[in-house]
Amino acid sequence: MLQSQYHWLPWCTFVEVDPSSRLYDTFGGYEIADAQKLSPEERIRRNRIYDNYVDSI
């Protein structure tokens, strides 16, 4: 019989939250469909938010 240990893995939270957080920071919302409503020029301009971002990982 298998039993779960119910452990929380902190890295799982990061993996789930980081992309959503970046989407919101860049486009002001959590839905890709909303970002796609922007003009191509505006999407390119907003995508430059992370040009100088350095991952600490």
PDB file of N, CA and C in Angstrom:
ATOM      1  N   MET A   1       0.830  -1.177   0.000  1.00  0.00           N
ATOM      2  CA  MET A   1       0.000   0.000   0.000  1.00  0.00           C
ATOM      3  C   MET A   1       0.881   1.249   0.000  1.00  0.00           C
ATOM      4  N   LEU A   2       0.625   2.155  -0.905  1.00  0.00           N
ATOM      5  CA  LEU A   2       1.394   3.395  -0.991  1.00  0.00           C
ATOM      6  C   LEU A   2       0.785   4.468  -0.102  1.00  0.00           C
ATOM      7  N   GLN A   3       1.652   5.190   0.578  1.00  0.00           N
ATOM      8  CA  GLN A   3       1.196   6.288   1.418  1.00  0.00           C
ATOM      9  C   GLN A   3       1.985   7.541   1.072  1.00  0.00           C
ATOM     10  N   SER A   4       1.314   8.661   1.024  1.00  0.00           N
ATOM     11  CA  SER A   4       1.976   9.923   0.722  1.00  0.00           C
ATOM     12  C   SER A   4       2.568  10.511   1.996  1.00  0.00           C
ATOM     13  N   GLN A   5       3.630  11.228   1.848  1.00  0.00           N
ATOM     14  CA  GLN A   5       4.273  11.875   2.993  1.00  0.00           C
ATOM     15  C   GLN A   5       3.797  13.320   3.171  1.00  0.00           C
ATOM     16  N   TYR A   6       3.092  13.861   2.177  1.00  0.00           N
ATOM     17  CA  TYR A   6       2.575  15.225   2.227  1.00  0.00           C
ATOM     18  C   TYR A   6       3.663  16.255   2.522  1.00  0.00           C
ATOM     19  N   HIS A   7       4.750  16.166   1.812  1.00  0.00           N
ATOM     20  CA  HIS A   7       5.834  17.135   1.979  1.00  0.00           C
ATOM     21  C   HIS A   7       5.657  18.276   0.987  1.00  0.00           C
ATOM     22  N   TRP A   8       5.985  19.479   1.431  1.00  0.00           N
ATOM     23  CA  TRP A   8       5.963  20.642   0.560  1.00  0.00           C
ATOM     24  C   TRP A   8       7.355  20.823  -0.014  1.00  0.00           C
ATOM     25  N   LEU A   9       7.446  20.940  -1.325  1.00  0.00           N
ATOM     26  CA  LEU A   9       8.721  21.138  -1.989  1.00  0.00           C
ATOM     27  C   LEU A   9       8.793  22.597  -2.446  1.00  0.00           C
ATOM     28  N   PRO A  10       9.597  23.415  -1.777  1.00  0.00           N
ATOM     29  CA  PRO A  10       9.640  24.851  -2.086  1.00  0.00           C
ATOM     30  C   PRO A  10       9.918  25.162  -3.551  1.00  0.00           C
ATOM     31  N   TRP A  11      10.762  24.386  -4.210  1.00  0.00           N
ATOM     32  CA  TRP A  11      11.081  24.671  -5.602  1.00  0.00           C
ATOM     33  C   TRP A  11       9.854  24.520  -6.498  1.00  0.00           C
ATOM     34  N   CYS A  12       8.895  23.680  -6.094  1.00  0.00           N
ATOM     35  CA  CYS A  12       7.667  23.526  -6.889  1.00  0.00           C
ATOM     36  C   CYS A  12       6.880  24.836  -6.927  1.00  0.00           C
ATOM     37  N   THR A  13       6.839  25.528  -5.808  1.00  0.00           N
ATOM     38  CA  THR A  13       6.143  26.810  -5.756  1.00  0.00           C
ATOM     39  C   THR A  13       6.802  27.799  -6.704  1.00  0.00           C
ATOM     40  N   PHE A  14       8.119  27.875  -6.683  1.00  0.00           N
ATOM     41  CA  PHE A  14       8.844  28.783  -7.565  1.00  0.00           C
ATOM     42  C   PHE A  14       8.562  28.460  -9.022  1.00  0.00           C
ATOM     43  N   VAL A  15       8.607  27.196  -9.374  1.00  0.00           N
ATOM     44  CA  VAL A  15       8.388  26.766 -10.754  1.00  0.00           C
ATOM     45  C   VAL A  15       6.986  27.152 -11.226  1.00  0.00           C
ATOM     46  N   GLU A  16       6.016  27.133 -10.337  1.00  0.00           N
ATOM     47  CA  GLU A  16       4.647  27.492 -10.698  1.00  0.00           C
ATOM     48  C   GLU A  16       4.442  29.009 -10.740  1.00  0.00           C
ATOM     49  N   VAL A  17       5.018  29.732  -9.800  1.00  0.00           N
ATOM     50  CA  VAL A  17       4.741  31.161  -9.647  1.00  0.00           C
ATOM     51  C   VAL A  17       5.594  32.036 -10.559  1.00  0.00           C
ATOM     52  N   ASP A  18       6.841  31.704 -10.772  1.00  0.00           N
ATOM     53  CA  ASP A  18       7.744  32.572 -11.536  1.00  0.00           C
ATOM     54  C   ASP A  18       7.226  32.916 -12.933  1.00  0.00           C
ATOM     55  N   PRO A  19       6.809  31.945 -13.752  1.00  0.00           N
ATOM     56  CA  PRO A  19       6.311  32.311 -15.085  1.00  0.00           C
ATOM     57  C   PRO A  19       5.067  33.200 -15.028  1.00  0.00           C
ATOM     58  N   SER A  20       4.174  32.935 -14.101  1.00  0.00           N
ATOM     59  CA  SER A  20       2.974  33.764 -13.965  1.00  0.00           C
ATOM     60  C   SER A  20       3.337  35.172 -13.530  1.00  0.00           C
ATOM     61  N   SER A  21       4.272  35.269 -12.624  1.00  0.00           N
ATOM     62  CA  SER A  21       4.723  36.572 -12.139  1.00  0.00           C
ATOM     63  C   SER A  21       5.355  37.382 -13.267  1.00  0.00           C
ATOM     64  N   ARG A  22       6.177  36.734 -14.067  1.00  0.00           N
ATOM     65  CA  ARG A  22       6.807  37.435 -15.195  1.00  0.00           C
ATOM     66  C   ARG A  22       5.782  37.854 -16.244  1.00  0.00           C
ATOM     67  N   LEU A  23       4.786  37.018 -16.484  1.00  0.00           N
ATOM     68  CA  LEU A  23       3.727  37.364 -17.432  1.00  0.00           C
ATOM     69  C   LEU A  23       2.985  38.604 -16.946  1.00  0.00           C
ATOM     70  N   TYR A  24       2.668  38.631 -15.663  1.00  0.00           N
ATOM     71  CA  TYR A  24       1.958  39.785 -15.101  1.00  0.00           C
ATOM     72  C   TYR A  24       2.834  41.040 -15.139  1.00  0.00           C
ATOM     73  N   ASP A  25       4.105  40.912 -14.757  1.00  0.00           N
ATOM     74  CA  ASP A  25       5.012  42.065 -14.779  1.00  0.00           C
ATOM     75  C   ASP A  25       5.168  42.630 -16.183  1.00  0.00           C
ATOM     76  N   THR A  26       5.198  41.764 -17.167  1.00  0.00           N
ATOM     77  CA  THR A  26       5.435  42.188 -18.536  1.00  0.00           C
ATOM     78  C   THR A  26       4.186  42.739 -19.197  1.00  0.00           C
ATOM     79  N   PHE A  27       3.064  42.059 -19.044  1.00  0.00           N
ATOM     80  CA  PHE A  27       1.864  42.416 -19.805  1.00  0.00           C
ATOM     81  C   PHE A  27       0.699  42.907 -18.954  1.00  0.00           C
ATOM     82  N   GLY A  28       0.852  42.910 -17.630  1.00  0.00           N
ATOM     83  CA  GLY A  28      -0.185  43.428 -16.759  1.00  0.00           C
ATOM     84  C   GLY A  28      -1.360  42.494 -16.558  1.00  0.00           C
ATOM     85  N   GLY A  29      -1.192  41.223 -16.838  1.00  0.00           N
ATOM     86  CA  GLY A  29      -2.263  40.249 -16.648  1.00  0.00           C
ATOM     87  C   GLY A  29      -1.704  38.847 -16.637  1.00  0.00           C
ATOM     88  N   TYR A  30      -2.561  37.910 -16.272  1.00  0.00           N
ATOM     89  CA  TYR A  30      -2.137  36.515 -16.155  1.00  0.00           C
ATOM     90  C   TYR A  30      -2.540  35.663 -17.353  1.00  0.00           C
ATOM     91  N   GLU A  31      -3.202  36.238 -18.328  1.00  0.00           N
ATOM     92  CA  GLU A  31      -3.693  35.470 -19.471  1.00  0.00           C
ATOM     93  C   GLU A  31      -2.893  35.807 -20.736  1.00  0.00           C
ATOM     94  N   ILE A  32      -2.410  34.789 -21.418  1.00  0.00           N
ATOM     95  CA  ILE A  32      -1.676  34.994 -22.665  1.00  0.00           C
ATOM     96  C   ILE A  32      -2.591  35.617 -23.706  1.00  0.00           C
ATOM     97  N   ALA A  33      -3.864  35.248 -23.682  1.00  0.00           N
ATOM     98  CA  ALA A  33      -4.822  35.807 -24.647  1.00  0.00           C
ATOM     99  C   ALA A  33      -4.894  37.330 -24.534  1.00  0.00           C
ATOM    100  N   ASP A  34      -4.797  37.859 -23.323  1.00  0.00           N
ATOM    101  CA  ASP A  34      -4.812  39.312 -23.140  1.00  0.00           C
ATOM    102  C   ASP A  34      -3.553  39.949 -23.724  1.00  0.00           C
ATOM    103  N   ALA A  35      -2.418  39.304 -23.530  1.00  0.00           N
ATOM    104  CA  ALA A  35      -1.167  39.827 -24.087  1.00  0.00           C
ATOM    105  C   ALA A  35      -1.210  39.805 -25.612  1.00  0.00           C
ATOM    106  N   GLN A  36      -1.856  38.804 -26.193  1.00  0.00           N
ATOM    107  CA  GLN A  36      -1.922  38.702 -27.651  1.00  0.00           C
ATOM    108  C   GLN A  36      -2.821  39.766 -28.272  1.00  0.00           C
ATOM    109  N   LYS A  37      -3.633  40.420 -27.463  1.00  0.00           N
ATOM    110  CA  LYS A  37      -4.484  41.498 -27.967  1.00  0.00           C
ATOM    111  C   LYS A  37      -3.683  42.772 -28.239  1.00  0.00           C
ATOM    112  N   LEU A  38      -2.490  42.852 -27.649  1.00  0.00           N
ATOM    113  CA  LEU A  38      -1.628  44.013 -27.876  1.00  0.00           C
ATOM    114  C   LEU A  38      -1.046  43.954 -29.283  1.00  0.00           C
ATOM    115  N   SER A  39      -0.673  45.103 -29.794  1.00  0.00           N
ATOM    116  CA  SER A  39      -0.053  45.136 -31.123  1.00  0.00           C
ATOM    117  C   SER A  39       1.303  44.428 -31.059  1.00  0.00           C
ATOM    118  N   PRO A  40       1.765  43.909 -32.193  1.00  0.00           N
ATOM    119  CA  PRO A  40       3.082  43.246 -32.192  1.00  0.00           C
ATOM    120  C   PRO A  40       4.192  44.174 -31.688  1.00  0.00           C
ATOM    121  N   GLU A  41       4.117  45.436 -32.036  1.00  0.00           N
ATOM    122  CA  GLU A  41       5.143  46.391 -31.603  1.00  0.00           C
ATOM    123  C   GLU A  41       5.131  46.551 -30.084  1.00  0.00           C
ATOM    124  N   GLU A  42       3.919  46.627 -29.507  1.00  0.00           N
ATOM    125  CA  GLU A  42       3.799  46.771 -28.054  1.00  0.00           C
ATOM    126  C   GLU A  42       4.277  45.522 -27.344  1.00  0.00           C
ATOM    127  N   ARG A  43       3.977  44.353 -27.871  1.00  0.00           N
ATOM    128  CA  ARG A  43       4.464  43.106 -27.258  1.00  0.00           C
ATOM    129  C   ARG A  43       5.983  43.054 -27.286  1.00  0.00           C
ATOM    130  N   ILE A  44       6.585  43.458 -28.389  1.00  0.00           N
ATOM    131  CA  ILE A  44       8.050  43.469 -28.481  1.00  0.00           C
ATOM    132  C   ILE A  44       8.632  44.446 -27.472  1.00  0.00           C
ATOM    133  N   ARG A  45       8.031  45.635 -27.371  1.00  0.00           N
ATOM    134  CA  ARG A  45       8.518  46.645 -26.430  1.00  0.00           C
ATOM    135  C   ARG A  45       8.429  46.120 -24.997  1.00  0.00           C
ATOM    136  N   ARG A  46       7.299  45.536 -24.654  1.00  0.00           N
ATOM    137  CA  ARG A  46       7.115  45.032 -23.288  1.00  0.00           C
ATOM    138  C   ARG A  46       8.001  43.823 -23.000  1.00  0.00           C
ATOM    139  N   ASN A  47       8.273  43.005 -23.982  1.00  0.00           N
ATOM    140  CA  ASN A  47       9.132  41.836 -23.777  1.00  0.00           C
ATOM    141  C   ASN A  47      10.560  42.230 -23.442  1.00  0.00           C
ATOM    142  N   ARG A  48      10.929  43.458 -23.704  1.00  0.00           N
ATOM    143  CA  ARG A  48      12.291  43.909 -23.421  1.00  0.00           C
ATOM    144  C   ARG A  48      12.516  44.167 -21.928  1.00  0.00           C
ATOM    145  N   ILE A  49      11.490  43.998 -21.103  1.00  0.00           N
ATOM    146  CA  ILE A  49      11.609  44.229 -19.659  1.00  0.00           C
ATOM    147  C   ILE A  49      12.729  43.387 -19.037  1.00  0.00           C
ATOM    148  N   TYR A  50      12.982  42.225 -19.586  1.00  0.00           N
ATOM    149  CA  TYR A  50      13.980  41.327 -19.015  1.00  0.00           C
ATOM    150  C   TYR A  50      15.303  41.288 -19.806  1.00  0.00           C
ATOM    151  N   ASP A  51      15.512  42.265 -20.679  1.00  0.00           N
ATOM    152  CA  ASP A  51      16.751  42.278 -21.448  1.00  0.00           C
ATOM    153  C   ASP A  51      17.998  42.280 -20.570  1.00  0.00           C
ATOM    154  N   ASN A  52      17.943  42.984 -19.457  1.00  0.00           N
ATOM    155  CA  ASN A  52      19.111  43.100 -18.580  1.00  0.00           C
ATOM    156  C   ASN A  52      18.963  42.264 -17.310  1.00  0.00           C
ATOM    157  N   TYR A  53      17.969  41.385 -17.305  1.00  0.00           N
ATOM    158  CA  TYR A  53      17.720  40.541 -16.147  1.00  0.00           C
ATOM    159  C   TYR A  53      18.738  39.404 -16.112  1.00  0.00           C
ATOM    160  N   VAL A  54      19.304  39.183 -14.941  1.00  0.00           N
ATOM    161  CA  VAL A  54      20.272  38.090 -14.785  1.00  0.00           C
ATOM    162  C   VAL A  54      19.690  37.116 -13.774  1.00  0.00           C
ATOM    163  N   ASP A  55      19.506  35.879 -14.197  1.00  0.00           N
ATOM    164  CA  ASP A  55      19.024  34.853 -13.261  1.00  0.00           C
ATOM    165  C   ASP A  55      20.071  34.585 -12.207  1.00  0.00           C
ATOM    166  N   SER A  56      19.621  34.461 -10.987  1.00  0.00           N
ATOM    167  CA  SER A  56      20.539  34.169  -9.899  1.00  0.00           C
ATOM    168  C   SER A  56      20.674  32.665  -9.676  1.00  0.00           C
ATOM    169  N   ILE A  57      20.090  31.891 -10.544  1.00  0.00           N
ATOM    170  CA  ILE A  57      20.130  30.434 -10.394  1.00  0.00           C
ATOM    171  C   ILE A  57      21.319  29.856 -11.127  1.00  0.00           C
TER     172      ILE A  57
END
